[in-house]
Amino acid sequence: MIIVVSMELDYIVPESTGGETVAENLCLACAGCNAHKYNFESGIDPETNIETALFHPRRQSWDDHFCWSNDGTMIIGLSPCGRATVARLRMNRRDVMESRSLWVSVGWHPPVDAQ
């Protein structure tokens, strides 16, 4: 089992598209998710097949766009934005879900306040 814990700073609006290096434009992201995000600001909602903006953690509420599966290992997109974000960032990769499963087993996951 691989434990995914590597986090890095993410530019919400990518620096390559004009995003500034200011607190309002930075957040922590899993290194793997951030690599899949690359410099994208939108993704395709797999339910509607429509391009939509990715989740903005400084302006949007996590609970409006995501929830945890019953076993706490999978992030479920509730809105077009949530589904597109889960798909673009590949937030439910096997190694990440295996890590979440381990975290659930020791009581570290899912977070009580996901924001």
Protein backbone atom coordinates (compact mmCIF):
# COMPACT_ATOMS: atom_id res chain seq x y z
CA MET A 1 0.00 0.00 0.00
CA ILE A 2 1.29 3.45 -0.91
CA ILE A 3 0.61 6.29 1.50
CA VAL A 4 0.01 9.58 -0.26
CA VAL A 5 0.94 12.53 1.93
CA SER A 6 2.94 14.80 -0.34
CA MET A 7 1.37 18.24 -0.50
CA GLU A 8 2.44 21.31 -2.42
CA LEU A 9 1.35 24.87 -3.06
CA ASP A 10 -1.06 25.20 -5.95
CA TYR A 11 -1.87 28.33 -7.89
CA ILE A 12 -5.67 28.36 -8.10
CA VAL A 13 -5.36 30.56 -11.19
CA PRO A 14 -2.15 29.19 -12.70
CA GLU A 15 0.85 31.47 -12.77
CA SER A 16 1.25 30.61 -16.47
CA THR A 17 -2.17 32.14 -17.17
CA GLY A 18 -1.61 35.28 -15.11
CA GLY A 19 -2.27 34.04 -11.58
CA GLU A 20 -0.49 36.05 -8.91
CA THR A 21 1.66 34.79 -6.06
CA VAL A 22 -0.65 36.04 -3.32
CA ALA A 23 -2.37 34.15 -0.51
CA GLU A 24 -5.79 34.51 -2.15
CA ASN A 25 -4.50 32.56 -5.17
CA LEU A 26 -2.67 29.79 -3.32
CA CYS A 27 -3.85 26.60 -1.64
CA LEU A 28 -2.42 23.25 -0.60
CA ALA A 29 -2.94 20.41 -3.03
CA CYS A 30 -1.93 16.79 -3.21
CA ALA A 31 1.10 16.65 -5.50
CA GLY A 32 -0.58 14.07 -7.74
CA CYS A 33 -3.82 16.04 -8.08
CA ASN A 34 -1.86 19.21 -8.74
CA ALA A 35 0.13 17.48 -11.48
CA HIS A 36 -3.12 16.44 -13.17
CA LYS A 37 -4.49 19.96 -12.85
CA TYR A 38 -1.40 21.34 -14.60
CA ASN A 39 -2.43 24.81 -15.80
CA PHE A 40 -6.10 24.05 -16.42
CA GLU A 41 -8.82 26.23 -14.95
CA SER A 42 -11.71 24.14 -16.25
CA GLY A 43 -12.66 20.54 -16.84
CA ILE A 44 -15.42 18.46 -18.40
CA ASP A 45 -18.34 17.45 -16.22
CA PRO A 46 -18.59 13.72 -17.01
CA GLU A 47 -22.34 13.75 -16.37
CA THR A 48 -23.24 16.56 -18.81
CA ASN A 49 -20.11 16.57 -21.00
CA ILE A 50 -19.99 20.36 -20.59
CA GLU A 51 -16.82 22.29 -19.79
CA THR A 52 -17.01 24.06 -16.44
CA ALA A 53 -14.71 25.97 -14.11
CA LEU A 54 -12.78 23.94 -11.55
CA PHE A 55 -13.53 24.29 -7.84
CA HIS A 56 -12.10 27.47 -6.31
CA PRO A 57 -11.25 26.69 -2.65
CA ARG A 58 -11.05 30.36 -1.66
CA ARG A 59 -14.46 31.32 -3.09
CA GLN A 60 -16.57 28.17 -2.97
CA SER A 61 -17.72 25.86 -0.20
CA TRP A 62 -16.44 22.27 -0.37
CA ASP A 63 -19.78 20.90 0.89
CA ASP A 64 -21.67 22.52 -2.00
CA HIS A 65 -19.62 20.62 -4.58
CA PHE A 66 -18.32 17.41 -2.95
CA CYS A 67 -19.09 14.73 -0.41
CA TRP A 68 -17.36 11.56 0.78
CA SER A 69 -18.47 8.06 -0.15
CA ASN A 70 -19.91 6.03 2.72
CA ASP A 71 -16.57 4.34 3.33
CA GLY A 72 -14.72 7.69 3.26
CA THR A 73 -12.36 6.73 0.45
CA MET A 74 -13.89 8.42 -2.59
CA ILE A 75 -14.67 12.06 -3.29
CA ILE A 76 -18.02 12.39 -5.05
CA GLY A 77 -18.74 15.46 -7.15
CA LEU A 78 -22.20 16.87 -6.41
CA SER A 79 -22.26 19.69 -8.95
CA PRO A 80 -20.91 20.19 -12.46
CA CYS A 81 -17.95 22.03 -10.89
CA GLY A 82 -17.36 19.23 -8.38
CA ARG A 83 -17.60 16.45 -10.95
CA ALA A 84 -15.31 18.31 -13.38
CA THR A 85 -12.78 18.91 -10.60
CA VAL A 86 -12.79 15.28 -9.48
CA ALA A 87 -12.31 14.18 -13.09
CA ARG A 88 -9.64 16.74 -14.08
CA LEU A 89 -7.54 16.22 -10.94
CA ARG A 90 -8.18 12.46 -10.90
CA MET A 91 -8.94 12.78 -7.22
CA ASN A 92 -9.96 9.13 -6.84
CA ARG A 93 -6.80 7.47 -8.13
CA ARG A 94 -6.21 4.00 -6.73
CA ASP A 95 -3.19 4.99 -4.62
CA VAL A 96 -5.04 7.94 -3.11
CA MET A 97 -8.07 5.81 -2.28
CA GLU A 98 -5.81 3.17 -0.69
CA SER A 99 -4.25 5.88 1.45
CA ARG A 100 -7.66 7.20 2.47
CA SER A 101 -8.69 3.65 3.41
CA LEU A 102 -5.71 3.40 5.75
CA TRP A 103 -6.47 6.83 7.21
CA VAL A 104 -10.11 5.79 7.78
CA SER A 105 -8.96 2.65 9.59
CA VAL A 106 -7.04 4.72 12.16
CA GLY A 107 -9.66 7.46 12.50
CA TRP A 108 -7.85 10.23 10.60
CA HIS A 109 -10.32 10.43 7.75
CA PRO A 110 -12.66 11.74 6.45
CA PRO A 111 -12.11 15.21 7.85
CA VAL A 112 -14.86 16.58 10.05
CA ASP A 113 -14.59 19.97 8.37
CA ALA A 114 -13.58 19.40 4.74
CA GLN A 115 -13.14 23.07 4.00
